[in-house]
C-alpha atoms as a PDB file:
ATOM      1  CA  UNK A   1      27.319   8.708 -22.184  1.00  0.00           C
ATOM      2  CA  UNK A   2      28.909   9.522 -25.582  1.00  0.00           C
ATOM      3  CA  UNK A   3      32.390   8.588 -26.448  1.00  0.00           C
ATOM      4  CA  UNK A   4      33.483  12.302 -25.707  1.00  0.00           C
ATOM      5  CA  UNK A   5      31.986  12.396 -22.521  1.00  0.00           C
ATOM      6  CA  UNK A   6      34.377   9.346 -21.602  1.00  0.00           C
ATOM      7  CA  UNK A   7      37.583  11.147 -22.625  1.00  0.00           C
ATOM      8  CA  UNK A   8      39.848  12.752 -20.124  1.00  0.00           C
ATOM      9  CA  UNK A   9      40.543  16.311 -20.938  1.00  0.00           C
ATOM     10  CA  UNK A  10      43.903  15.427 -22.312  1.00  0.00           C
ATOM     11  CA  UNK A  11      42.610  13.130 -24.757  1.00  0.00           C
ATOM     12  CA  UNK A  12      39.923  15.304 -25.792  1.00  0.00           C
ATOM     13  CA  UNK A  13      41.648  18.436 -26.700  1.00  0.00           C
ATOM     14  CA  UNK A  14      44.798  16.344 -28.479  1.00  0.00           C
ATOM     15  CA  UNK A  15      42.123  14.860 -30.873  1.00  0.00           C
ATOM     16  CA  UNK A  16      40.798  18.288 -31.311  1.00  0.00           C
ATOM     17  CA  UNK A  17      44.099  19.124 -32.375  1.00  0.00           C
ATOM     18  CA  UNK A  18      44.313  16.388 -34.813  1.00  0.00           C
ATOM     19  CA  UNK A  19      40.967  17.386 -36.122  1.00  0.00           C
ATOM     20  CA  UNK A  20      42.381  20.894 -36.488  1.00  0.00           C
ATOM     21  CA  UNK A  21      45.515  19.869 -38.246  1.00  0.00           C
ATOM     22  CA  UNK A  22      43.703  17.460 -40.689  1.00  0.00           C
ATOM     23  CA  UNK A  23      41.001  20.002 -41.619  1.00  0.00           C
ATOM     24  CA  UNK A  24      43.696  23.085 -42.015  1.00  0.00           C
ATOM     25  CA  UNK A  25      45.418  20.470 -44.653  1.00  0.00           C
ATOM     26  CA  UNK A  26      42.225  20.704 -46.586  1.00  0.00           C
ATOM     27  CA  UNK A  27      41.644  18.236 -48.964  1.00  0.00           C
ATOM     28  CA  UNK A  28      38.542  17.121 -47.510  1.00  0.00           C
ATOM     29  CA  UNK A  29      35.269  15.959 -49.064  1.00  0.00           C
ATOM     30  CA  UNK A  30      32.238  17.632 -47.935  1.00  0.00           C
ATOM     31  CA  UNK A  31      30.917  15.745 -45.830  1.00  0.00           C
ATOM     32  CA  UNK A  32      34.284  14.464 -43.861  1.00  0.00           C
ATOM     33  CA  UNK A  33      34.993  18.023 -43.716  1.00  0.00           C
ATOM     34  CA  UNK A  34      31.093  18.459 -41.830  1.00  0.00           C
ATOM     35  CA  UNK A  35      31.751  15.622 -39.722  1.00  0.00           C
ATOM     36  CA  UNK A  36      34.957  16.121 -38.484  1.00  0.00           C
ATOM     37  CA  UNK A  37      33.590  19.984 -37.919  1.00  0.00           C
ATOM     38  CA  UNK A  38      30.916  18.513 -35.700  1.00  0.00           C
ATOM     39  CA  UNK A  39      32.887  16.135 -34.082  1.00  0.00           C
ATOM     40  CA  UNK A  40      35.942  19.134 -33.301  1.00  0.00           C
ATOM     41  CA  UNK A  41      32.658  21.357 -31.607  1.00  0.00           C
ATOM     42  CA  UNK A  42      31.804  18.446 -29.352  1.00  0.00           C
ATOM     43  CA  UNK A  43      35.555  17.927 -28.474  1.00  0.00           C
ATOM     44  CA  UNK A  44      36.086  21.721 -27.951  1.00  0.00           C
ATOM     45  CA  UNK A  45      32.485  22.145 -25.889  1.00  0.00           C
ATOM     46  CA  UNK A  46      33.556  19.267 -23.715  1.00  0.00           C
ATOM     47  CA  UNK A  47      37.302  20.720 -23.181  1.00  0.00           C
ATOM     48  CA  UNK A  48      35.224  24.230 -21.833  1.00  0.00           C
ATOM     49  CA  UNK A  49      33.200  22.420 -19.444  1.00  0.00           C
ATOM     50  CA  UNK A  50      36.213  21.027 -18.363  1.00  0.00           C
ATOM     51  CA  UNK A  51      38.272  24.142 -17.577  1.00  0.00           C
ATOM     52  CA  UNK A  52      35.102  25.386 -16.179  1.00  0.00           C
ATOM     53  CA  UNK A  53      34.480  22.723 -13.882  1.00  0.00           C
ATOM     54  CA  UNK A  54      38.305  22.868 -12.315  1.00  0.00           C
ATOM     55  CA  UNK A  55      38.144  26.707 -12.881  1.00  0.00           C
ATOM     56  CA  UNK A  56      35.413  26.453 -10.103  1.00  0.00           C
ATOM     57  CA  UNK A  57      36.905  23.998  -7.635  1.00  0.00           C
ATOM     58  CA  UNK A  58      40.593  26.274  -7.941  1.00  0.00           C
ATOM     59  CA  UNK A  59      37.788  29.165  -6.845  1.00  0.00           C
ATOM     60  CA  UNK A  60      36.406  26.963  -4.338  1.00  0.00           C
ATOM     61  CA  UNK A  61      39.900  26.101  -2.933  1.00  0.00           C
ATOM     62  CA  UNK A  62      41.794  28.960  -3.275  1.00  0.00           C
ATOM     63  CA  UNK A  63      40.518  31.847  -0.803  1.00  0.00           C
ATOM     64  CA  UNK A  64      41.422  35.272  -1.380  1.00  0.00           C
ATOM     65  CA  UNK A  65      43.113  36.339   1.329  1.00  0.00           C
ATOM     66  CA  UNK A  66      43.570  40.277   0.900  1.00  0.00           C
ATOM     67  CA  UNK A  67      40.036  40.670   0.686  1.00  0.00           C
ATOM     68  CA  UNK A  68      38.401  37.924   2.556  1.00  0.00           C
ATOM     69  CA  UNK A  69      36.546  37.015  -0.387  1.00  0.00           C
ATOM     70  CA  UNK A  70      36.375  32.777   0.167  1.00  0.00           C
ATOM     71  CA  UNK A  71      35.586  32.181  -3.460  1.00  0.00           C
ATOM     72  CA  UNK A  72      37.926  34.557  -4.846  1.00  0.00           C
ATOM     73  CA  UNK A  73      41.338  33.782  -6.407  1.00  0.00           C
ATOM     74  CA  UNK A  74      44.441  35.606  -4.734  1.00  0.00           C
ATOM     75  CA  UNK A  75      46.475  37.489  -7.083  1.00  0.00           C
ATOM     76  CA  UNK A  76      49.631  36.180  -8.937  1.00  0.00           C
ATOM     77  CA  UNK A  77      52.550  37.875  -8.260  1.00  0.00           C
ATOM     78  CA  UNK A  78      55.639  36.246  -9.707  1.00  0.00           C
ATOM     79  CA  UNK A  79      58.832  36.947  -7.690  1.00  0.00           C
ATOM     80  CA  UNK A  80      61.204  39.480  -9.420  1.00  0.00           C
ATOM     81  CA  UNK A  81      64.249  39.013 -10.644  1.00  0.00           C
ATOM     82  CA  UNK A  82      66.186  40.407  -7.456  1.00  0.00           C
ATOM     83  CA  UNK A  83      64.002  38.362  -5.050  1.00  0.00           C
ATOM     84  CA  UNK A  84      64.611  35.095  -7.473  1.00  0.00           C
ATOM     85  CA  UNK A  85      68.308  35.588  -6.828  1.00  0.00           C
ATOM     86  CA  UNK A  86      68.309  35.535  -3.215  1.00  0.00           C
ATOM     87  CA  UNK A  87      66.257  32.619  -3.188  1.00  0.00           C
ATOM     88  CA  UNK A  88      67.778  28.833  -3.128  1.00  0.00           C
ATOM     89  CA  UNK A  89      64.960  27.083  -4.644  1.00  0.00           C
END
């Protein structure tokens, strides 16, 4: 297991953000820039895989009652402003 695979999603995403900021700042030697790019790509892939896995879990746990599709997501309908005013919560 690589060190990236041991990171939580939040840790991997935070490190990816830091790499992007440093790379956008410029002033990097080519070799260091390539190392950072490669690590960033690995971090992005790990984050993407974790998000895909989370989406799959949500789809499995949230059946779509309106269509009877047990593997689908129910559409999100935010309350209208008049409904929000009526609710004490």
